[in-house]
């Protein structure tokens, strides 16, 4: 039985969430805490398998709570937030930066999507309870404030797939790229529907790379990162333009890393750099192998720094990766790898 501790300031809402969780045969609520200052003590006493934490706890800062727990009592923390409230976006992604493993929408009692949101919540608690977290290590980053230079199109291109634990890793990579990074970056980040805009805004505020949510037929630019939007598969065409299509999910995901990797491989060939970051499942692994087989550069995040070694681990089992790096190493190596592609590979896209 998976033991869930609920930290929620609204008692009525906390009890309704508790009833929802207790209906699941493999989940049980071991406690409810309504004040932030009490969370550490309850975690220590109850030893839950997973903590469901409201981003706005009364009498205690939720970000500080996460920071303390991840240093002294590490456990999977799922943050619950209403992403339609502007000022919560920064807090929500700061929570991931400090060590929370997942985000879920705060179910609205009157929402047409209520049942879907509730299922997402219980599914996330179930999956995140299996994550083996460790005491939070001090982050190693190089800070810079310079904005990148952009032009009309780019060759070669970097494609990135990420899932559970991905946002802070993306932040580390983008924050530590040089201001004149000479490629564009296309990203599929598996994230709860409705959170991608908050992710884009947070990455724009906390890194030196310009980040946008991809638009269909948009021309890619150097030094710019593009996030796949909700409910579309993202690819790229031979003119270096983003293509968004309403096609079926792959690996039960939409957007899918596999779709992006396959589309980019067909256009860029050996001039493609593909990266798989922390996350559950195997999305992108087989397509990464195909990229390596045709001479593209493939990188997976190393096991020690991955919150979940599912996607990168699946690629490793297939021998799909040329390199195994931590997030900071990825950022430091990428400019060199881009230069290698430009020097030794002829890009098959724009003539």
Protein backbone atom coordinates (compact mmCIF):
# COMPACT_ATOMS: atom_id res chain seq x y z
CA UNK A 1 0.00 0.00 0.00
CA UNK A 2 1.34 3.43 -0.98
CA UNK A 3 1.17 5.89 1.91
CA UNK A 4 0.36 9.49 0.96
CA UNK A 5 0.75 12.53 3.21
CA UNK A 6 -1.42 15.48 2.12
CA UNK A 7 -0.21 19.01 2.86
CA UNK A 8 -3.09 21.35 2.03
CA UNK A 9 -4.17 24.55 3.77
CA UNK A 10 -7.86 24.28 2.89
CA UNK A 11 -9.24 21.61 5.25
CA UNK A 12 -12.39 20.95 3.24
CA UNK A 13 -10.39 20.50 0.05
CA UNK A 14 -7.84 18.33 1.85
CA UNK A 15 -10.57 15.96 3.02
CA UNK A 16 -12.07 15.73 -0.47
CA UNK A 17 -8.64 14.86 -1.90
CA UNK A 18 -8.19 12.33 0.89
CA UNK A 19 -11.46 10.62 -0.05
CA UNK A 20 -10.39 10.53 -3.69
CA UNK A 21 -7.04 8.92 -2.85
CA UNK A 22 -8.50 6.39 -0.40
CA UNK A 23 -10.84 5.09 -3.12
CA UNK A 24 -7.78 3.69 -4.91
CA UNK A 25 -7.01 0.12 -3.87
CA UNK A 26 -3.26 0.69 -3.69
CA UNK A 27 -3.22 4.20 -2.16
CA UNK A 28 -3.96 5.31 1.38
CA UNK A 29 -3.74 8.67 3.12
CA UNK A 30 -1.56 8.38 6.21
CA UNK A 31 -2.13 11.95 7.33
CA UNK A 32 -3.26 15.50 6.52
CA UNK A 33 -1.31 18.59 7.51
CA UNK A 34 -2.76 22.08 7.07
CA UNK A 35 0.17 24.27 8.12
CA UNK A 36 3.54 24.46 6.38
CA UNK A 37 5.50 24.62 9.63
CA UNK A 38 4.16 21.16 10.63
CA UNK A 39 5.14 19.29 7.46
CA UNK A 40 8.70 18.35 8.41
CA UNK A 41 7.57 16.89 11.74
CA UNK A 42 4.75 14.89 10.14
CA UNK A 43 7.05 13.51 7.44
CA UNK A 44 9.51 12.45 10.13
CA UNK A 45 6.82 10.74 12.23
CA UNK A 46 4.62 9.20 9.53
CA UNK A 47 7.31 8.28 6.96
CA UNK A 48 5.01 8.56 3.91
CA UNK A 49 5.96 7.11 0.52
CA UNK A 50 5.00 10.35 -1.22
CA UNK A 51 4.03 13.90 -0.20
CA UNK A 52 1.26 15.77 -2.02
CA UNK A 53 2.08 19.43 -1.37
CA UNK A 54 -0.05 22.50 -2.10
CA UNK A 55 2.24 25.19 -3.53
CA UNK A 56 0.56 27.80 -1.28
CA UNK A 57 0.74 26.50 2.28
CA UNK A 58 -0.30 28.81 5.15
CA UNK A 59 2.12 29.34 8.04
CA UNK A 60 5.12 28.09 6.14
CA UNK A 61 6.83 28.58 2.80
CA UNK A 62 6.32 25.58 0.52
CA UNK A 63 9.62 26.19 -1.30
CA UNK A 64 11.51 26.27 1.99
CA UNK A 65 9.70 23.10 3.08
CA UNK A 66 10.88 21.30 -0.06
CA UNK A 67 14.42 22.59 0.43
CA UNK A 68 14.53 21.33 4.03
CA UNK A 69 13.01 17.94 3.21
CA UNK A 70 15.31 17.28 0.27
CA UNK A 71 18.34 17.93 2.47
CA UNK A 72 17.24 16.04 5.58
CA UNK A 73 14.27 13.76 4.83
CA UNK A 74 14.27 13.18 1.05
CA UNK A 75 11.08 11.69 -0.39
CA UNK A 76 9.06 12.05 -3.61
CA UNK A 77 7.18 15.36 -3.50
CA UNK A 78 4.30 16.03 -5.89
CA UNK A 79 3.36 19.71 -6.05
CA UNK A 80 -0.27 20.69 -6.60
CA UNK A 81 -0.88 24.09 -8.19
CA UNK A 82 -3.49 26.14 -10.02
CA UNK A 83 -1.53 27.21 -13.09
CA UNK A 84 -4.13 29.74 -14.19
CA UNK A 85 -2.95 31.96 -11.32
CA UNK A 86 -0.04 33.99 -12.67
CA UNK A 87 2.09 34.49 -9.57
CA UNK A 88 2.03 30.76 -8.78
CA UNK A 89 3.92 29.87 -11.97
CA UNK A 90 7.27 31.03 -10.58
CA UNK A 91 6.67 29.22 -7.28
CA UNK A 92 5.64 26.01 -9.03
CA UNK A 93 8.78 25.71 -11.13
CA UNK A 94 10.95 26.86 -8.25
CA UNK A 95 9.55 23.81 -6.42
CA UNK A 96 10.91 21.54 -9.16
CA UNK A 97 14.24 23.33 -9.02
CA UNK A 98 14.44 22.58 -5.29
CA UNK A 99 13.67 18.87 -5.71
CA UNK A 100 9.95 18.20 -6.20
CA UNK A 101 9.54 15.39 -8.74
CA UNK A 102 6.22 16.23 -10.41
CA UNK A 103 3.45 18.78 -10.88
CA UNK A 104 -0.29 18.21 -10.92
CA UNK A 105 -3.17 20.59 -11.52
CA UNK A 106 -5.30 21.44 -8.53
CA UNK A 107 -8.62 19.72 -9.38
CA UNK A 108 -11.46 22.20 -9.69
CA UNK A 109 -14.77 21.05 -8.20
CA UNK A 110 -16.70 22.65 -11.06
CA UNK A 111 -14.37 21.83 -13.91
CA UNK A 112 -15.51 19.79 -16.91
CA UNK A 113 -12.09 18.15 -16.69
CA UNK A 114 -12.51 17.19 -13.04
CA UNK A 115 -12.44 13.39 -13.51
CA UNK A 116 -9.44 13.57 -15.82
CA UNK A 117 -7.59 15.85 -13.39
CA UNK A 118 -8.38 13.54 -10.47
CA UNK A 119 -7.14 10.50 -12.37
CA UNK A 120 -3.96 12.36 -13.30
CA UNK A 121 -3.42 13.17 -9.62
CA UNK A 122 -3.78 9.60 -8.39
CA UNK A 123 -1.76 8.19 -11.30
CA UNK A 124 1.04 10.66 -10.56
CA UNK A 125 1.12 9.80 -6.86
CA UNK A 126 1.30 6.11 -7.75
CA UNK A 127 4.15 6.58 -10.23
CA UNK A 128 6.15 9.08 -8.17
CA UNK A 129 6.05 6.88 -5.06
CA UNK A 130 8.45 4.58 -6.93
CA UNK A 131 11.03 7.31 -7.52
CA UNK A 132 14.17 6.80 -5.43
CA UNK A 133 15.19 10.29 -4.38
CA UNK A 134 18.44 11.11 -2.62
CA UNK A 135 19.60 13.92 -0.37
CA UNK A 136 19.71 17.06 -2.48
CA UNK A 137 23.19 17.88 -3.68
CA UNK A 138 24.46 21.41 -4.08
CA UNK A 139 23.77 22.58 -7.63
CA UNK A 140 26.78 23.39 -9.78
CA UNK A 141 26.06 26.01 -12.42
CA UNK A 142 27.72 28.89 -14.16
CA UNK A 143 25.47 31.92 -14.15
CA UNK A 144 25.34 34.42 -16.99
CA UNK A 145 22.97 37.15 -18.04
CA UNK A 146 23.88 37.57 -21.73
CA UNK A 147 21.13 36.97 -24.29
CA UNK A 148 21.88 34.90 -27.40
CA UNK A 149 22.27 36.25 -30.92
CA UNK A 150 19.67 34.87 -33.36
CA UNK A 151 19.44 34.66 -37.16
CA UNK A 152 16.96 33.29 -39.68
CA UNK A 153 17.79 29.59 -39.63
CA UNK A 154 20.17 27.16 -38.06
CA UNK A 155 22.30 24.12 -38.87
CA UNK A 156 22.77 21.72 -37.21
CA UNK A 157 19.96 21.27 -34.69
CA UNK A 158 19.68 19.93 -31.12
CA UNK A 159 16.63 17.86 -30.12
CA UNK A 160 15.93 17.08 -26.46
CA UNK A 161 13.46 14.71 -24.79
CA UNK A 162 12.67 14.89 -21.07
CA UNK A 163 10.03 13.75 -18.61
CA UNK A 164 9.99 13.36 -14.80
CA UNK A 165 12.63 15.64 -13.29
CA UNK A 166 13.26 17.33 -16.62
CA UNK A 167 12.50 21.05 -16.01
CA UNK A 168 15.40 21.80 -13.63
CA UNK A 169 17.75 19.81 -15.89
CA UNK A 170 16.64 21.86 -18.89
CA UNK A 171 17.23 24.98 -16.80
CA UNK A 172 20.79 23.88 -15.99
CA UNK A 173 21.58 23.12 -19.63
CA UNK A 174 20.10 26.33 -21.05
CA UNK A 175 21.56 28.50 -18.29
CA UNK A 176 25.07 27.28 -19.02
CA UNK A 177 25.13 27.48 -22.80
CA UNK A 178 27.26 30.32 -24.25
CA UNK A 179 25.53 33.50 -25.37
CA UNK A 180 26.49 32.80 -28.99
CA UNK A 181 25.31 29.18 -29.04
CA UNK A 182 25.28 28.24 -32.70
CA UNK A 183 22.25 25.96 -33.02
CA UNK A 184 18.54 25.89 -32.33
CA UNK A 185 17.02 23.55 -29.75
CA UNK A 186 13.72 21.66 -30.05
CA UNK A 187 12.37 20.22 -26.80
CA UNK A 188 9.67 17.73 -25.90
CA UNK A 189 9.10 17.89 -22.14
CA UNK A 190 6.39 15.57 -20.81
CA UNK A 191 4.45 17.73 -18.38
CA UNK A 192 0.92 17.98 -17.05
CA UNK A 193 -1.35 19.70 -19.56
CA UNK A 194 -1.56 23.43 -18.92
CA UNK A 195 1.92 23.75 -17.39
CA UNK A 196 3.97 24.27 -20.56
CA UNK A 197 3.41 28.04 -20.64
CA UNK A 198 4.60 28.33 -17.07
CA UNK A 199 7.67 26.26 -17.97
CA UNK A 200 8.42 28.53 -20.93
CA UNK A 201 8.11 31.69 -18.83
CA UNK A 202 10.25 30.23 -16.02
CA UNK A 203 13.03 29.14 -18.40
CA UNK A 204 13.00 32.56 -20.03
CA UNK A 205 13.42 34.24 -16.65
CA UNK A 206 16.10 31.92 -15.31
CA UNK A 207 18.33 31.17 -18.32
CA UNK A 208 20.10 33.19 -21.00
CA UNK A 209 18.48 31.35 -23.90
CA UNK A 210 15.30 32.67 -25.48
CA UNK A 211 12.58 30.04 -25.04
CA UNK A 212 9.21 29.96 -26.77
CA UNK A 213 6.33 27.55 -27.25
CA UNK A 214 6.58 26.26 -30.82
CA UNK A 215 4.26 27.65 -33.50
CA UNK A 216 3.38 25.73 -36.66
CA UNK A 217 5.53 26.68 -39.70
CA UNK A 218 7.80 28.83 -37.55
CA UNK A 219 11.36 29.17 -38.90
CA UNK A 220 13.87 27.95 -36.34
CA UNK A 221 16.66 30.31 -35.23
CA UNK A 222 20.10 29.94 -33.72
CA UNK A 223 20.36 30.33 -29.98
CA UNK A 224 16.62 29.79 -29.53
CA UNK A 225 14.81 26.94 -27.77
CA UNK A 226 11.32 25.71 -28.75
CA UNK A 227 9.00 23.77 -26.43
CA UNK A 228 6.43 21.43 -27.94
CA UNK A 229 2.90 22.58 -27.04
CA UNK A 230 0.24 20.41 -25.43
CA UNK A 231 -1.60 17.87 -27.59
CA UNK A 232 0.48 18.19 -30.77
CA UNK A 233 3.26 16.12 -32.25
CA UNK A 234 6.21 18.36 -33.09
CA UNK A 235 8.51 17.81 -36.06
CA UNK A 236 10.55 19.80 -38.54
CA UNK A 237 10.50 20.13 -42.33
CA UNK A 238 13.27 20.37 -44.94
CA UNK A 239 13.13 24.17 -44.87
CA UNK A 240 13.97 24.28 -41.19
CA UNK A 241 10.42 25.08 -40.08
CA UNK A 242 8.59 23.61 -37.11
CA UNK A 243 5.64 21.36 -38.01
CA UNK A 244 2.86 20.76 -35.47
CA UNK A 245 0.42 17.97 -36.33
CA UNK A 246 -2.62 16.46 -34.68
CA UNK A 247 -1.48 12.85 -35.02
CA UNK A 248 -2.00 9.91 -32.62
CA UNK A 249 0.08 9.56 -29.45
CA UNK A 250 3.30 7.55 -29.57
CA UNK A 251 4.25 5.60 -26.44
CA UNK A 252 0.91 6.96 -25.13
CA UNK A 253 2.35 10.48 -25.33
CA UNK A 254 1.50 13.60 -27.29
CA UNK A 255 3.86 15.34 -27.78
CA UNK A 256 6.23 12.42 -28.15
CA UNK A 257 10.03 12.45 -28.12
CA UNK A 258 10.05 9.59 -30.62
CA UNK A 259 8.05 11.65 -33.13
CA UNK A 260 10.42 14.62 -32.82
CA UNK A 261 13.56 12.48 -33.07
CA UNK A 262 12.27 10.62 -36.14
CA UNK A 263 11.23 13.79 -37.93
CA UNK A 264 14.55 15.52 -37.24
CA UNK A 265 16.57 12.44 -38.25
CA UNK A 266 14.95 12.38 -41.70
CA UNK A 267 15.90 16.02 -42.32
CA UNK A 268 19.20 16.53 -40.51
CA UNK A 269 20.82 13.10 -40.66
CA UNK A 270 24.40 13.23 -39.32
CA UNK A 271 24.00 16.89 -38.39
CA UNK A 272 21.58 16.02 -35.59
CA UNK A 273 22.40 16.06 -31.88
CA UNK A 274 19.82 14.12 -29.85
CA UNK A 275 19.63 14.19 -26.05
CA UNK A 276 17.51 12.11 -23.66
CA UNK A 277 17.11 13.41 -20.12
CA UNK A 278 15.59 12.02 -16.93
CA UNK A 279 12.12 10.52 -17.21
CA UNK A 280 9.88 7.48 -16.96
CA UNK A 281 9.26 5.09 -19.83
CA UNK A 282 11.18 4.60 -23.06
CA UNK A 283 9.96 7.44 -25.30
CA UNK A 284 12.69 8.34 -27.77
CA UNK A 285 15.05 5.44 -27.06
CA UNK A 286 14.56 3.47 -30.28
CA UNK A 287 14.64 6.60 -32.42
CA UNK A 288 17.85 7.66 -30.69
CA UNK A 289 19.44 4.37 -31.75
CA UNK A 290 18.49 5.08 -35.36
CA UNK A 291 20.08 8.53 -35.08
CA UNK A 292 23.31 6.98 -33.83
CA UNK A 293 23.26 4.35 -36.58
CA UNK A 294 23.27 7.02 -39.31
CA UNK A 295 26.10 8.97 -37.68
CA UNK A 296 24.26 11.52 -35.55
CA UNK A 297 25.47 12.50 -32.09
CA UNK A 298 23.52 10.99 -29.18
CA UNK A 299 23.72 11.88 -25.49
CA UNK A 300 21.87 10.56 -22.44
CA UNK A 301 21.83 12.01 -18.95
CA UNK A 302 23.87 9.88 -16.56
CA UNK A 303 22.18 7.67 -13.99
CA UNK A 304 23.54 9.46 -10.92
CA UNK A 305 21.85 12.78 -11.78
CA UNK A 306 18.60 11.40 -13.25
CA UNK A 307 15.54 11.56 -11.01
CA UNK A 308 14.23 8.60 -13.03
CA UNK A 309 16.57 6.60 -15.28
CA UNK A 310 13.76 5.31 -17.47
CA UNK A 311 14.14 7.08 -20.81
CA UNK A 312 17.94 7.45 -20.68
CA UNK A 313 18.23 3.92 -19.29
CA UNK A 314 16.15 2.51 -22.15
CA UNK A 315 18.49 4.20 -24.63
CA UNK A 316 21.51 2.88 -22.76
CA UNK A 317 20.20 -0.70 -22.96
CA UNK A 318 19.93 -0.32 -26.74
CA UNK A 319 23.48 1.08 -26.91
CA UNK A 320 21.94 4.16 -28.49
CA UNK A 321 24.12 6.73 -26.70
CA UNK A 322 27.57 7.92 -27.69
CA UNK A 323 27.96 9.98 -24.51
CA UNK A 324 26.74 9.83 -20.89
CA UNK A 325 26.90 13.24 -19.22
CA UNK A 326 25.48 15.09 -16.24
CA UNK A 327 23.43 18.23 -17.06
CA UNK A 328 26.31 20.67 -16.66
CA UNK A 329 28.59 18.52 -18.82
CA UNK A 330 25.91 18.46 -21.51
CA UNK A 331 25.85 22.26 -21.55
CA UNK A 332 29.64 22.55 -21.65
CA UNK A 333 30.06 19.93 -24.40
CA UNK A 334 27.25 21.06 -26.70
CA UNK A 335 29.07 24.01 -28.33
CA UNK A 336 31.99 21.73 -29.20
CA UNK A 337 29.67 19.09 -30.65
CA UNK A 338 27.77 21.67 -32.69
CA UNK A 339 31.06 22.91 -34.13
CA UNK A 340 32.00 19.34 -35.01
CA UNK A 341 28.72 18.84 -36.86
CA UNK A 342 29.15 22.08 -38.81
CA UNK A 343 32.71 21.17 -39.76
CA UNK A 344 32.41 17.49 -40.64
CA UNK A 345 28.82 16.99 -41.72
CA UNK A 346 26.93 18.51 -44.62
CA UNK A 347 23.47 19.61 -43.53
CA UNK A 348 20.81 18.19 -45.88
CA UNK A 349 18.24 20.92 -45.25
CA UNK A 350 18.38 24.49 -46.57
CA UNK A 351 20.63 24.84 -49.63
